[in-house]
Amino acid sequence: MKKLVLILGVLSLVACTDQKVVNYNTARLDNIEAYLANNKAVKPSENVDKLVEEGKVEYSEEYLSLEKEADKWRREKAQESQQQ
């Protein structure tokens, strides 16, 4: 009897957790869809190649996550402030 109650308790806990994850992901996707709907007017630049050749724009084929870019920016700002 105790095993049955324990199993039912664990299953209900898992079901609640799963529902929370589903709700979180649904809200997250809704935010992303709203953002994309509001930013449809962004067009790719027609002269990116020219700007890259002139050295005005840095271009990389390698994907760098936003977290890594933010960490790099923080380190650069910290170095700049130390140099001043």
PDB file of N, CA and C in Angstrom:
ATOM      1  N   MET A   1       0.824  -1.191   0.000  1.00  0.00           N
ATOM      2  CA  MET A   1       0.000   0.000   0.000  1.00  0.00           C
ATOM      3  C   MET A   1       0.873   1.261   0.000  1.00  0.00           C
ATOM      4  N   LYS A   2       1.944   1.223   0.816  1.00  0.00           N
ATOM      5  CA  LYS A   2       2.835   2.379   0.871  1.00  0.00           C
ATOM      6  C   LYS A   2       3.503   2.614  -0.476  1.00  0.00           C
ATOM      7  N   LYS A   3       3.857   1.528  -1.145  1.00  0.00           N
ATOM      8  CA  LYS A   3       4.507   1.655  -2.446  1.00  0.00           C
ATOM      9  C   LYS A   3       3.567   2.304  -3.455  1.00  0.00           C
ATOM     10  N   LEU A   4       2.305   1.913  -3.411  1.00  0.00           N
ATOM     11  CA  LEU A   4       1.317   2.469  -4.330  1.00  0.00           C
ATOM     12  C   LEU A   4       1.148   3.969  -4.093  1.00  0.00           C
ATOM     13  N   VAL A   5       1.073   4.378  -2.848  1.00  0.00           N
ATOM     14  CA  VAL A   5       0.927   5.792  -2.510  1.00  0.00           C
ATOM     15  C   VAL A   5       2.178   6.549  -2.942  1.00  0.00           C
ATOM     16  N   LEU A   6       3.343   5.970  -2.726  1.00  0.00           N
ATOM     17  CA  LEU A   6       4.598   6.599  -3.117  1.00  0.00           C
ATOM     18  C   LEU A   6       4.682   6.763  -4.633  1.00  0.00           C
ATOM     19  N   ILE A   7       4.298   5.739  -5.362  1.00  0.00           N
ATOM     20  CA  ILE A   7       4.325   5.790  -6.820  1.00  0.00           C
ATOM     21  C   ILE A   7       3.364   6.853  -7.331  1.00  0.00           C
ATOM     22  N   LEU A   8       2.155   6.909  -6.768  1.00  0.00           N
ATOM     23  CA  LEU A   8       1.178   7.911  -7.193  1.00  0.00           C
ATOM     24  C   LEU A   8       1.668   9.320  -6.856  1.00  0.00           C
ATOM     25  N   GLY A   9       2.321   9.487  -5.736  1.00  0.00           N
ATOM     26  CA  GLY A   9       2.872  10.792  -5.367  1.00  0.00           C
ATOM     27  C   GLY A   9       3.949  11.243  -6.329  1.00  0.00           C
ATOM     28  N   VAL A  10       4.840  10.344  -6.683  1.00  0.00           N
ATOM     29  CA  VAL A  10       5.917  10.670  -7.623  1.00  0.00           C
ATOM     30  C   VAL A  10       5.333  11.005  -8.994  1.00  0.00           C
ATOM     31  N   LEU A  11       4.360  10.228  -9.445  1.00  0.00           N
ATOM     32  CA  LEU A  11       3.747  10.489 -10.747  1.00  0.00           C
ATOM     33  C   LEU A  11       3.035  11.839 -10.776  1.00  0.00           C
ATOM     34  N   SER A  12       2.367  12.190  -9.692  1.00  0.00           N
ATOM     35  CA  SER A  12       1.690  13.492  -9.672  1.00  0.00           C
ATOM     36  C   SER A  12       2.702  14.629  -9.642  1.00  0.00           C
ATOM     37  N   LEU A  13       3.815  14.436  -8.952  1.00  0.00           N
ATOM     38  CA  LEU A  13       4.865  15.446  -8.913  1.00  0.00           C
ATOM     39  C   LEU A  13       5.465  15.640 -10.306  1.00  0.00           C
ATOM     40  N   VAL A  14       5.708  14.545 -11.014  1.00  0.00           N
ATOM     41  CA  VAL A  14       6.255  14.621 -12.363  1.00  0.00           C
ATOM     42  C   VAL A  14       5.260  15.299 -13.294  1.00  0.00           C
ATOM     43  N   ALA A  15       3.991  15.009 -13.156  1.00  0.00           N
ATOM     44  CA  ALA A  15       2.973  15.614 -14.014  1.00  0.00           C
ATOM     45  C   ALA A  15       2.918  17.119 -13.785  1.00  0.00           C
ATOM     46  N   CYS A  16       3.016  17.571 -12.543  1.00  0.00           N
ATOM     47  CA  CYS A  16       2.999  19.012 -12.256  1.00  0.00           C
ATOM     48  C   CYS A  16       4.232  19.691 -12.838  1.00  0.00           C
ATOM     49  N   THR A  17       5.378  19.052 -12.698  1.00  0.00           N
ATOM     50  CA  THR A  17       6.620  19.607 -13.220  1.00  0.00           C
ATOM     51  C   THR A  17       6.553  19.717 -14.737  1.00  0.00           C
ATOM     52  N   ASP A  18       6.047  18.683 -15.383  1.00  0.00           N
ATOM     53  CA  ASP A  18       5.926  18.710 -16.835  1.00  0.00           C
ATOM     54  C   ASP A  18       5.025  19.849 -17.282  1.00  0.00           C
ATOM     55  N   GLN A  19       3.936  20.080 -16.578  1.00  0.00           N
ATOM     56  CA  GLN A  19       3.020  21.156 -16.942  1.00  0.00           C
ATOM     57  C   GLN A  19       3.687  22.516 -16.774  1.00  0.00           C
ATOM     58  N   LYS A  20       4.497  22.673 -15.735  1.00  0.00           N
ATOM     59  CA  LYS A  20       5.209  23.934 -15.532  1.00  0.00           C
ATOM     60  C   LYS A  20       6.194  24.188 -16.672  1.00  0.00           C
ATOM     61  N   VAL A  21       6.876  23.145 -17.114  1.00  0.00           N
ATOM     62  CA  VAL A  21       7.831  23.272 -18.217  1.00  0.00           C
ATOM     63  C   VAL A  21       7.098  23.635 -19.503  1.00  0.00           C
ATOM     64  N   VAL A  22       5.976  23.011 -19.738  1.00  0.00           N
ATOM     65  CA  VAL A  22       5.187  23.305 -20.937  1.00  0.00           C
ATOM     66  C   VAL A  22       4.715  24.759 -20.902  1.00  0.00           C
ATOM     67  N   ASN A  23       4.228  25.213 -19.756  1.00  0.00           N
ATOM     68  CA  ASN A  23       3.765  26.603 -19.639  1.00  0.00           C
ATOM     69  C   ASN A  23       4.913  27.579 -19.862  1.00  0.00           C
ATOM     70  N   TYR A  24       6.078  27.297 -19.293  1.00  0.00           N
ATOM     71  CA  TYR A  24       7.242  28.164 -19.455  1.00  0.00           C
ATOM     72  C   TYR A  24       7.643  28.254 -20.924  1.00  0.00           C
ATOM     73  N   ASN A  25       7.743  27.111 -21.582  1.00  0.00           N
ATOM     74  CA  ASN A  25       8.161  27.096 -22.987  1.00  0.00           C
ATOM     75  C   ASN A  25       7.124  27.766 -23.882  1.00  0.00           C
ATOM     76  N   THR A  26       5.855  27.605 -23.570  1.00  0.00           N
ATOM     77  CA  THR A  26       4.808  28.252 -24.355  1.00  0.00           C
ATOM     78  C   THR A  26       4.922  29.769 -24.246  1.00  0.00           C
ATOM     79  N   ALA A  27       5.110  30.272 -23.032  1.00  0.00           N
ATOM     80  CA  ALA A  27       5.257  31.715 -22.836  1.00  0.00           C
ATOM     81  C   ALA A  27       6.501  32.226 -23.549  1.00  0.00           C
ATOM     82  N   ARG A  28       7.570  31.468 -23.482  1.00  0.00           N
ATOM     83  CA  ARG A  28       8.823  31.861 -24.134  1.00  0.00           C
ATOM     84  C   ARG A  28       8.649  31.943 -25.648  1.00  0.00           C
ATOM     85  N   LEU A  29       8.017  30.947 -26.231  1.00  0.00           N
ATOM     86  CA  LEU A  29       7.786  30.946 -27.676  1.00  0.00           C
ATOM     87  C   LEU A  29       6.842  32.074 -28.090  1.00  0.00           C
ATOM     88  N   ASP A  30       5.863  32.380 -27.257  1.00  0.00           N
ATOM     89  CA  ASP A  30       4.960  33.496 -27.561  1.00  0.00           C
ATOM     90  C   ASP A  30       5.739  34.805 -27.609  1.00  0.00           C
ATOM     91  N   ASN A  31       6.678  34.993 -26.677  1.00  0.00           N
ATOM     92  CA  ASN A  31       7.500  36.205 -26.673  1.00  0.00           C
ATOM     93  C   ASN A  31       8.367  36.284 -27.927  1.00  0.00           C
ATOM     94  N   ILE A  32       8.946  35.169 -28.314  1.00  0.00           N
ATOM     95  CA  ILE A  32       9.792  35.136 -29.510  1.00  0.00           C
ATOM     96  C   ILE A  32       8.964  35.449 -30.752  1.00  0.00           C
ATOM     97  N   GLU A  33       7.782  34.857 -30.850  1.00  0.00           N
ATOM     98  CA  GLU A  33       6.927  35.105 -32.011  1.00  0.00           C
ATOM     99  C   GLU A  33       6.491  36.561 -32.064  1.00  0.00           C
ATOM    100  N   ALA A  34       6.192  37.154 -30.924  1.00  0.00           N
ATOM    101  CA  ALA A  34       5.798  38.568 -30.889  1.00  0.00           C
ATOM    102  C   ALA A  34       6.956  39.446 -31.338  1.00  0.00           C
ATOM    103  N   TYR A  35       8.165  39.128 -30.884  1.00  0.00           N
ATOM    104  CA  TYR A  35       9.348  39.896 -31.286  1.00  0.00           C
ATOM    105  C   TYR A  35       9.557  39.810 -32.793  1.00  0.00           C
ATOM    106  N   LEU A  36       9.478  38.610 -33.333  1.00  0.00           N
ATOM    107  CA  LEU A  36       9.687  38.431 -34.765  1.00  0.00           C
ATOM    108  C   LEU A  36       8.594  39.119 -35.576  1.00  0.00           C
ATOM    109  N   ALA A  37       7.384  39.120 -35.077  1.00  0.00           N
ATOM    110  CA  ALA A  37       6.295  39.787 -35.781  1.00  0.00           C
ATOM    111  C   ALA A  37       6.516  41.296 -35.822  1.00  0.00           C
ATOM    112  N   ASN A  38       7.113  41.854 -34.768  1.00  0.00           N
ATOM    113  CA  ASN A  38       7.342  43.300 -34.711  1.00  0.00           C
ATOM    114  C   ASN A  38       8.577  43.733 -35.482  1.00  0.00           C
ATOM    115  N   ASN A  39       9.434  42.814 -35.866  1.00  0.00           N
ATOM    116  CA  ASN A  39      10.691  43.167 -36.525  1.00  0.00           C
ATOM    117  C   ASN A  39      10.803  42.571 -37.922  1.00  0.00           C
ATOM    118  N   LYS A  40       9.718  42.553 -38.645  1.00  0.00           N
ATOM    119  CA  LYS A  40       9.723  42.017 -40.004  1.00  0.00           C
ATOM    120  C   LYS A  40      10.411  42.945 -40.989  1.00  0.00           C
ATOM    121  N   ALA A  41      10.480  44.214 -40.668  1.00  0.00           N
ATOM    122  CA  ALA A  41      10.983  45.194 -41.621  1.00  0.00           C
ATOM    123  C   ALA A  41      12.503  45.186 -41.760  1.00  0.00           C
ATOM    124  N   VAL A  42      13.185  44.385 -40.999  1.00  0.00           N
ATOM    125  CA  VAL A  42      14.646  44.350 -41.081  1.00  0.00           C
ATOM    126  C   VAL A  42      15.048  43.630 -42.361  1.00  0.00           C
ATOM    127  N   LYS A  43      15.790  44.325 -43.208  1.00  0.00           N
ATOM    128  CA  LYS A  43      16.222  43.750 -44.481  1.00  0.00           C
ATOM    129  C   LYS A  43      17.734  43.543 -44.449  1.00  0.00           C
ATOM    130  N   PRO A  44      18.222  42.523 -45.119  1.00  0.00           N
ATOM    131  CA  PRO A  44      19.666  42.353 -45.187  1.00  0.00           C
ATOM    132  C   PRO A  44      20.297  43.482 -45.990  1.00  0.00           C
ATOM    133  N   SER A  45      21.469  43.880 -45.581  1.00  0.00           N
ATOM    134  CA  SER A  45      22.162  44.967 -46.274  1.00  0.00           C
ATOM    135  C   SER A  45      22.622  44.486 -47.641  1.00  0.00           C
ATOM    136  N   GLU A  46      22.477  45.346 -48.628  1.00  0.00           N
ATOM    137  CA  GLU A  46      22.857  44.970 -49.985  1.00  0.00           C
ATOM    138  C   GLU A  46      24.351  45.136 -50.235  1.00  0.00           C
ATOM    139  N   ASN A  47      25.006  45.904 -49.402  1.00  0.00           N
ATOM    140  CA  ASN A  47      26.426  46.149 -49.635  1.00  0.00           C
ATOM    141  C   ASN A  47      27.313  45.601 -48.515  1.00  0.00           C
ATOM    142  N   VAL A  48      26.902  44.485 -47.923  1.00  0.00           N
ATOM    143  CA  VAL A  48      27.694  43.890 -46.852  1.00  0.00           C
ATOM    144  C   VAL A  48      29.075  43.493 -47.355  1.00  0.00           C
ATOM    145  N   ASP A  49      29.143  42.903 -48.539  1.00  0.00           N
ATOM    146  CA  ASP A  49      30.436  42.466 -49.075  1.00  0.00           C
ATOM    147  C   ASP A  49      31.394  43.651 -49.225  1.00  0.00           C
ATOM    148  N   LYS A  50      30.870  44.762 -49.700  1.00  0.00           N
ATOM    149  CA  LYS A  50      31.702  45.957 -49.873  1.00  0.00           C
ATOM    150  C   LYS A  50      32.206  46.455 -48.518  1.00  0.00           C
ATOM    151  N   LEU A  51      31.325  46.481 -47.519  1.00  0.00           N
ATOM    152  CA  LEU A  51      31.720  46.939 -46.189  1.00  0.00           C
ATOM    153  C   LEU A  51      32.738  46.001 -45.550  1.00  0.00           C
ATOM    154  N   VAL A  52      32.604  44.709 -45.791  1.00  0.00           N
ATOM    155  CA  VAL A  52      33.561  43.739 -45.249  1.00  0.00           C
ATOM    156  C   VAL A  52      34.926  43.953 -45.895  1.00  0.00           C
ATOM    157  N   GLU A  53      34.938  44.155 -47.208  1.00  0.00           N
ATOM    158  CA  GLU A  53      36.202  44.383 -47.907  1.00  0.00           C
ATOM    159  C   GLU A  53      36.883  45.657 -47.440  1.00  0.00           C
ATOM    160  N   GLU A  54      36.107  46.696 -47.144  1.00  0.00           N
ATOM    161  CA  GLU A  54      36.674  47.953 -46.674  1.00  0.00           C
ATOM    162  C   GLU A  54      37.079  47.894 -45.201  1.00  0.00           C
ATOM    163  N   GLY A  55      36.706  46.830 -44.533  1.00  0.00           N
ATOM    164  CA  GLY A  55      37.070  46.682 -43.129  1.00  0.00           C
ATOM    165  C   GLY A  55      36.168  47.442 -42.176  1.00  0.00           C
ATOM    166  N   LYS A  56      35.044  47.897 -42.657  1.00  0.00           N
ATOM    167  CA  LYS A  56      34.115  48.644 -41.808  1.00  0.00           C
ATOM    168  C   LYS A  56      33.221  47.718 -40.991  1.00  0.00           C
ATOM    169  N   VAL A  57      33.067  46.480 -41.460  1.00  0.00           N
ATOM    170  CA  VAL A  57      32.221  45.509 -40.785  1.00  0.00           C
ATOM    171  C   VAL A  57      33.011  44.224 -40.610  1.00  0.00           C
ATOM    172  N   GLU A  58      32.980  43.700 -39.391  1.00  0.00           N
ATOM    173  CA  GLU A  58      33.605  42.391 -39.159  1.00  0.00           C
ATOM    174  C   GLU A  58      32.564  41.325 -39.438  1.00  0.00           C
ATOM    175  N   TYR A  59      32.973  40.308 -40.150  1.00  0.00           N
ATOM    176  CA  TYR A  59      32.045  39.257 -40.550  1.00  0.00           C
ATOM    177  C   TYR A  59      32.678  37.920 -40.232  1.00  0.00           C
ATOM    178  N   SER A  60      31.879  37.042 -39.659  1.00  0.00           N
ATOM    179  CA  SER A  60      32.400  35.736 -39.292  1.00  0.00           C
ATOM    180  C   SER A  60      31.399  34.661 -39.684  1.00  0.00           C
ATOM    181  N   GLU A  61      31.906  33.571 -40.205  1.00  0.00           N
ATOM    182  CA  GLU A  61      31.052  32.429 -40.536  1.00  0.00           C
ATOM    183  C   GLU A  61      30.755  31.603 -39.284  1.00  0.00           C
ATOM    184  N   GLU A  62      31.573  31.780 -38.252  1.00  0.00           N
ATOM    185  CA  GLU A  62      31.435  30.987 -37.035  1.00  0.00           C
ATOM    186  C   GLU A  62      30.366  31.592 -36.136  1.00  0.00           C
ATOM    187  N   TYR A  63      29.497  30.732 -35.615  1.00  0.00           N
ATOM    188  CA  TYR A  63      28.440  31.189 -34.721  1.00  0.00           C
ATOM    189  C   TYR A  63      29.023  31.408 -33.326  1.00  0.00           C
ATOM    190  N   LEU A  64      28.691  32.537 -32.738  1.00  0.00           N
ATOM    191  CA  LEU A  64      29.123  32.842 -31.386  1.00  0.00           C
ATOM    192  C   LEU A  64      27.879  33.192 -30.590  1.00  0.00           C
ATOM    193  N   SER A  65      27.636  32.451 -29.510  1.00  0.00           N
ATOM    194  CA  SER A  65      26.415  32.670 -28.749  1.00  0.00           C
ATOM    195  C   SER A  65      26.415  34.057 -28.124  1.00  0.00           C
ATOM    196  N   LEU A  66      25.234  34.548 -27.831  1.00  0.00           N
ATOM    197  CA  LEU A  66      25.104  35.873 -27.243  1.00  0.00           C
ATOM    198  C   LEU A  66      25.784  35.948 -25.886  1.00  0.00           C
ATOM    199  N   GLU A  67      25.754  34.848 -25.140  1.00  0.00           N
ATOM    200  CA  GLU A  67      26.401  34.846 -23.834  1.00  0.00           C
ATOM    201  C   GLU A  67      27.908  35.042 -23.977  1.00  0.00           C
ATOM    202  N   LYS A  68      28.490  34.362 -24.959  1.00  0.00           N
ATOM    203  CA  LYS A  68      29.928  34.503 -25.177  1.00  0.00           C
ATOM    204  C   LYS A  68      30.269  35.902 -25.663  1.00  0.00           C
ATOM    205  N   GLU A  69      29.430  36.462 -26.534  1.00  0.00           N
ATOM    206  CA  GLU A  69      29.664  37.830 -27.001  1.00  0.00           C
ATOM    207  C   GLU A  69      29.569  38.814 -25.842  1.00  0.00           C
ATOM    208  N   ALA A  70      28.598  38.603 -24.954  1.00  0.00           N
ATOM    209  CA  ALA A  70      28.440  39.495 -23.802  1.00  0.00           C
ATOM    210  C   ALA A  70      29.645  39.394 -22.873  1.00  0.00           C
ATOM    211  N   ASP A  71      30.137  38.176 -22.646  1.00  0.00           N
ATOM    212  CA  ASP A  71      31.324  38.004 -21.803  1.00  0.00           C
ATOM    213  C   ASP A  71      32.535  38.683 -22.424  1.00  0.00           C
ATOM    214  N   LYS A  72      32.688  38.545 -23.731  1.00  0.00           N
ATOM    215  CA  LYS A  72      33.805  39.188 -24.420  1.00  0.00           C
ATOM    216  C   LYS A  72      33.713  40.706 -24.291  1.00  0.00           C
ATOM    217  N   TRP A  73      32.510  41.251 -24.456  1.00  0.00           N
ATOM    218  CA  TRP A  73      32.298  42.695 -24.351  1.00  0.00           C
ATOM    219  C   TRP A  73      32.634  43.178 -22.932  1.00  0.00           C
ATOM    220  N   ARG A  74      32.206  42.417 -21.920  1.00  0.00           N
ATOM    221  CA  ARG A  74      32.503  42.795 -20.527  1.00  0.00           C
ATOM    222  C   ARG A  74      34.012  42.806 -20.276  1.00  0.00           C
ATOM    223  N   ARG A  75      34.710  41.783 -20.782  1.00  0.00           N
ATOM    224  CA  ARG A  75      36.166  41.731 -20.594  1.00  0.00           C
ATOM    225  C   ARG A  75      36.835  42.923 -21.271  1.00  0.00           C
ATOM    226  N   GLU A  76      36.389  43.254 -22.499  1.00  0.00           N
ATOM    227  CA  GLU A  76      36.977  44.389 -23.210  1.00  0.00           C
ATOM    228  C   GLU A  76      36.723  45.689 -22.468  1.00  0.00           C
ATOM    229  N   LYS A  77      35.537  45.876 -21.931  1.00  0.00           N
ATOM    230  CA  LYS A  77      35.221  47.084 -21.183  1.00  0.00           C
ATOM    231  C   LYS A  77      36.033  47.151 -19.896  1.00  0.00           C
ATOM    232  N   ALA A  78      36.230  46.009 -19.253  1.00  0.00           N
ATOM    233  CA  ALA A  78      37.025  45.988 -18.025  1.00  0.00           C
ATOM    234  C   ALA A  78      38.471  46.344 -18.333  1.00  0.00           C
ATOM    235  N   GLN A  79      38.997  45.829 -19.449  1.00  0.00           N
ATOM    236  CA  GLN A  79      40.378  46.154 -19.840  1.00  0.00           C
ATOM    237  C   GLN A  79      40.512  47.631 -20.176  1.00  0.00           C
ATOM    238  N   GLU A  80      39.525  48.198 -20.859  1.00  0.00           N
ATOM    239  CA  GLU A  80      39.560  49.617 -21.197  1.00  0.00           C
ATOM    240  C   GLU A  80      39.531  50.490 -19.946  1.00  0.00           C
ATOM    241  N   SER A  81      38.718  50.101 -18.987  1.00  0.00           N
ATOM    242  CA  SER A  81      38.637  50.894 -17.765  1.00  0.00           C
ATOM    243  C   SER A  81      39.917  50.776 -16.926  1.00  0.00           C
ATOM    244  N   GLN A  82      40.588  49.629 -16.995  1.00  0.00           N
ATOM    245  CA  GLN A  82      41.832  49.469 -16.270  1.00  0.00           C
ATOM    246  C   GLN A  82      42.953  50.267 -16.911  1.00  0.00           C
ATOM    247  N   GLN A  83      42.913  50.394 -18.231  1.00  0.00           N
ATOM    248  CA  GLN A  83      43.947  51.123 -18.930  1.00  0.00           C
ATOM    249  C   GLN A  83      43.822  52.636 -18.721  1.00  0.00           C
ATOM    250  N   GLN A  84      42.629  53.106 -18.407  1.00  0.00           N
ATOM    251  CA  GLN A  84      42.410  54.542 -18.221  1.00  0.00           C
ATOM    252  C   GLN A  84      42.748  54.944 -16.859  1.00  0.00           C
TER     253      GLN A  84
END
